[in-house]
Every structure is written in C-alpha cells, then in structure tokens.
Amino acid sequence: MNKPYINVEAILEMFQEIAQKGVDQASAVDSLNWLTEYLAREHSTMNTNDWNRLLQIGAVLYRAGDPGDGARGRVDSRHG
C-alpha cells in the first residue's frame, strides 16, 4: 500500500501549530518518534535543505522531551 506523500512544508506547519499550543514532554516524544520514522522512511527522496530543516525540528523536539534540559516544554518554531 502506498502512503500519501507529505511535503516538508506541511510537516513544518504541523509542528508550528504544535509550538503555538505548547508541548508537554509526552507530546514532544511522540512527535519526535513520528519524525524519526518519517525521516528513516523518506530520507532517500529528500533534498538537503528539507532534510536539514526537519533535523532542526527533531533537535528542538528532543530538547523539549528531555527532562534534564531547561528547555523542556518549549518548542521554538523559528526553524523553518
């Protein structure tokens, strides 16, 4: 079964909406897991700019989900 293609702009928009609502640790981890699976599946079809933008989002989500980091709960939507 073919999965519908989701472009990077749609992904960035989705994460910007999440950032506007705020994110808790569990949501950050869930979003990071989804993004990791997406990147693993689609990496061969992505250009370098899209890859780098999504990796930046992943880094922000990782920091938001890390209980030892002072940035927990904050997602900076400026990456994009």
C-alpha atoms as a PDB file:
ATOM      1  CA  MET A   1       0.000   0.000   0.000  1.00  0.00           C
ATOM      2  CA  ASN A   2       1.390   3.395  -0.975  1.00  0.00           C
ATOM      3  CA  LYS A   3       1.348   6.066   1.672  1.00  0.00           C
ATOM      4  CA  PRO A   4       0.446   9.586   0.577  1.00  0.00           C
ATOM      5  CA  TYR A   5       3.413  11.922   0.261  1.00  0.00           C
ATOM      6  CA  ILE A   6       3.610  14.641   2.887  1.00  0.00           C
ATOM      7  CA  ASN A   7       5.766  17.576   1.902  1.00  0.00           C
ATOM      8  CA  VAL A   8       8.171  19.280   4.264  1.00  0.00           C
ATOM      9  CA  GLU A   9       6.154  22.487   4.338  1.00  0.00           C
ATOM     10  CA  ALA A  10       3.134  20.572   5.663  1.00  0.00           C
ATOM     11  CA  ILE A  11       5.289  18.958   8.342  1.00  0.00           C
ATOM     12  CA  LEU A  12       6.777  22.292   9.392  1.00  0.00           C
ATOM     13  CA  GLU A  13       3.301  23.826   9.518  1.00  0.00           C
ATOM     14  CA  MET A  14       2.097  20.954  11.711  1.00  0.00           C
ATOM     15  CA  PHE A  15       4.977  21.466  14.158  1.00  0.00           C
ATOM     16  CA  GLN A  16       4.417  25.240  14.187  1.00  0.00           C
ATOM     17  CA  GLU A  17       0.809  24.620  15.237  1.00  0.00           C
ATOM     18  CA  ILE A  18       2.061  22.320  17.995  1.00  0.00           C
ATOM     19  CA  ALA A  19       4.526  25.002  19.116  1.00  0.00           C
ATOM     20  CA  GLN A  20       1.780  27.622  19.307  1.00  0.00           C
ATOM     21  CA  LYS A  21      -0.295  25.358  21.552  1.00  0.00           C
ATOM     22  CA  GLY A  22       2.692  24.417  23.713  1.00  0.00           C
ATOM     23  CA  VAL A  23       4.080  20.954  24.091  1.00  0.00           C
ATOM     24  CA  ASP A  24       4.483  18.656  27.056  1.00  0.00           C
ATOM     25  CA  GLN A  25       7.192  16.023  27.394  1.00  0.00           C
ATOM     26  CA  ALA A  26       4.985  13.149  26.188  1.00  0.00           C
ATOM     27  CA  SER A  27       3.836  15.092  23.123  1.00  0.00           C
ATOM     28  CA  ALA A  28       7.399  16.037  22.267  1.00  0.00           C
ATOM     29  CA  VAL A  29       8.498  12.401  22.480  1.00  0.00           C
ATOM     30  CA  ASP A  30       5.549  11.217  20.362  1.00  0.00           C
ATOM     31  CA  SER A  31       6.254  13.880  17.737  1.00  0.00           C
ATOM     32  CA  LEU A  32       9.954  13.047  17.718  1.00  0.00           C
ATOM     33  CA  ASN A  33       9.182   9.346  17.229  1.00  0.00           C
ATOM     34  CA  TRP A  34       6.899  10.154  14.297  1.00  0.00           C
ATOM     35  CA  LEU A  35       9.503  12.449  12.745  1.00  0.00           C
ATOM     36  CA  THR A  36      12.237   9.830  13.185  1.00  0.00           C
ATOM     37  CA  GLU A  37      10.137   7.197  11.424  1.00  0.00           C
ATOM     38  CA  TYR A  38       9.316   9.635   8.623  1.00  0.00           C
ATOM     39  CA  LEU A  39      12.967  10.583   8.106  1.00  0.00           C
ATOM     40  CA  ALA A  40      14.046   6.938   8.097  1.00  0.00           C
ATOM     41  CA  ARG A  41      11.410   6.074   5.509  1.00  0.00           C
ATOM     42  CA  GLU A  42      11.759   9.119   3.236  1.00  0.00           C
ATOM     43  CA  HIS A  43      15.414  10.136   3.534  1.00  0.00           C
ATOM     44  CA  SER A  44      16.386   8.932   0.063  1.00  0.00           C
ATOM     45  CA  THR A  45      13.787  11.171  -1.609  1.00  0.00           C
ATOM     46  CA  MET A  46      14.594  14.357   0.308  1.00  0.00           C
ATOM     47  CA  ASN A  47      16.806  17.231  -0.734  1.00  0.00           C
ATOM     48  CA  THR A  48      19.459  18.564   1.630  1.00  0.00           C
ATOM     49  CA  ASN A  49      17.549  21.697   2.673  1.00  0.00           C
ATOM     50  CA  ASP A  50      14.419  19.749   3.613  1.00  0.00           C
ATOM     51  CA  TRP A  51      16.491  17.150   5.468  1.00  0.00           C
ATOM     52  CA  ASN A  52      18.314  19.835   7.456  1.00  0.00           C
ATOM     53  CA  ARG A  53      15.101  21.694   8.324  1.00  0.00           C
ATOM     54  CA  LEU A  54      13.492  18.523   9.645  1.00  0.00           C
ATOM     55  CA  LEU A  55      16.608  17.610  11.617  1.00  0.00           C
ATOM     56  CA  GLN A  56      16.435  21.034  13.276  1.00  0.00           C
ATOM     57  CA  ILE A  57      12.824  20.342  14.259  1.00  0.00           C
ATOM     58  CA  GLY A  58      13.926  16.967  15.621  1.00  0.00           C
ATOM     59  CA  ALA A  59      16.607  18.619  17.740  1.00  0.00           C
ATOM     60  CA  VAL A  60      14.071  21.048  19.193  1.00  0.00           C
ATOM     61  CA  LEU A  61      11.664  18.200  19.949  1.00  0.00           C
ATOM     62  CA  TYR A  62      14.461  16.194  21.549  1.00  0.00           C
ATOM     63  CA  ARG A  63      15.326  19.090  23.852  1.00  0.00           C
ATOM     64  CA  ALA A  64      11.641  19.644  24.681  1.00  0.00           C
ATOM     65  CA  GLY A  65      11.260  15.972  25.618  1.00  0.00           C
ATOM     66  CA  ASP A  66      14.442  15.770  27.715  1.00  0.00           C
ATOM     67  CA  PRO A  67      13.540  16.110  31.407  1.00  0.00           C
ATOM     68  CA  GLY A  68      17.118  17.125  32.234  1.00  0.00           C
ATOM     69  CA  ASP A  69      17.064  20.084  29.857  1.00  0.00           C
ATOM     70  CA  GLY A  70      15.899  23.530  30.906  1.00  0.00           C
ATOM     71  CA  ALA A  71      14.139  23.938  27.541  1.00  0.00           C
ATOM     72  CA  ARG A  72      11.522  21.325  28.371  1.00  0.00           C
ATOM     73  CA  GLY A  73       8.069  22.317  27.288  1.00  0.00           C
ATOM     74  CA  ARG A  74       9.253  24.956  24.856  1.00  0.00           C
ATOM     75  CA  VAL A  75       9.279  24.414  21.137  1.00  0.00           C
ATOM     76  CA  ASP A  76      10.860  27.141  19.079  1.00  0.00           C
ATOM     77  CA  SER A  77       9.017  27.359  15.767  1.00  0.00           C
ATOM     78  CA  ARG A  78      11.552  29.704  14.154  1.00  0.00           C
ATOM     79  CA  HIS A  79      13.303  26.750  12.474  1.00  0.00           C
ATOM     80  CA  GLY A  80      11.931  26.782   9.003  1.00  0.00           C
END
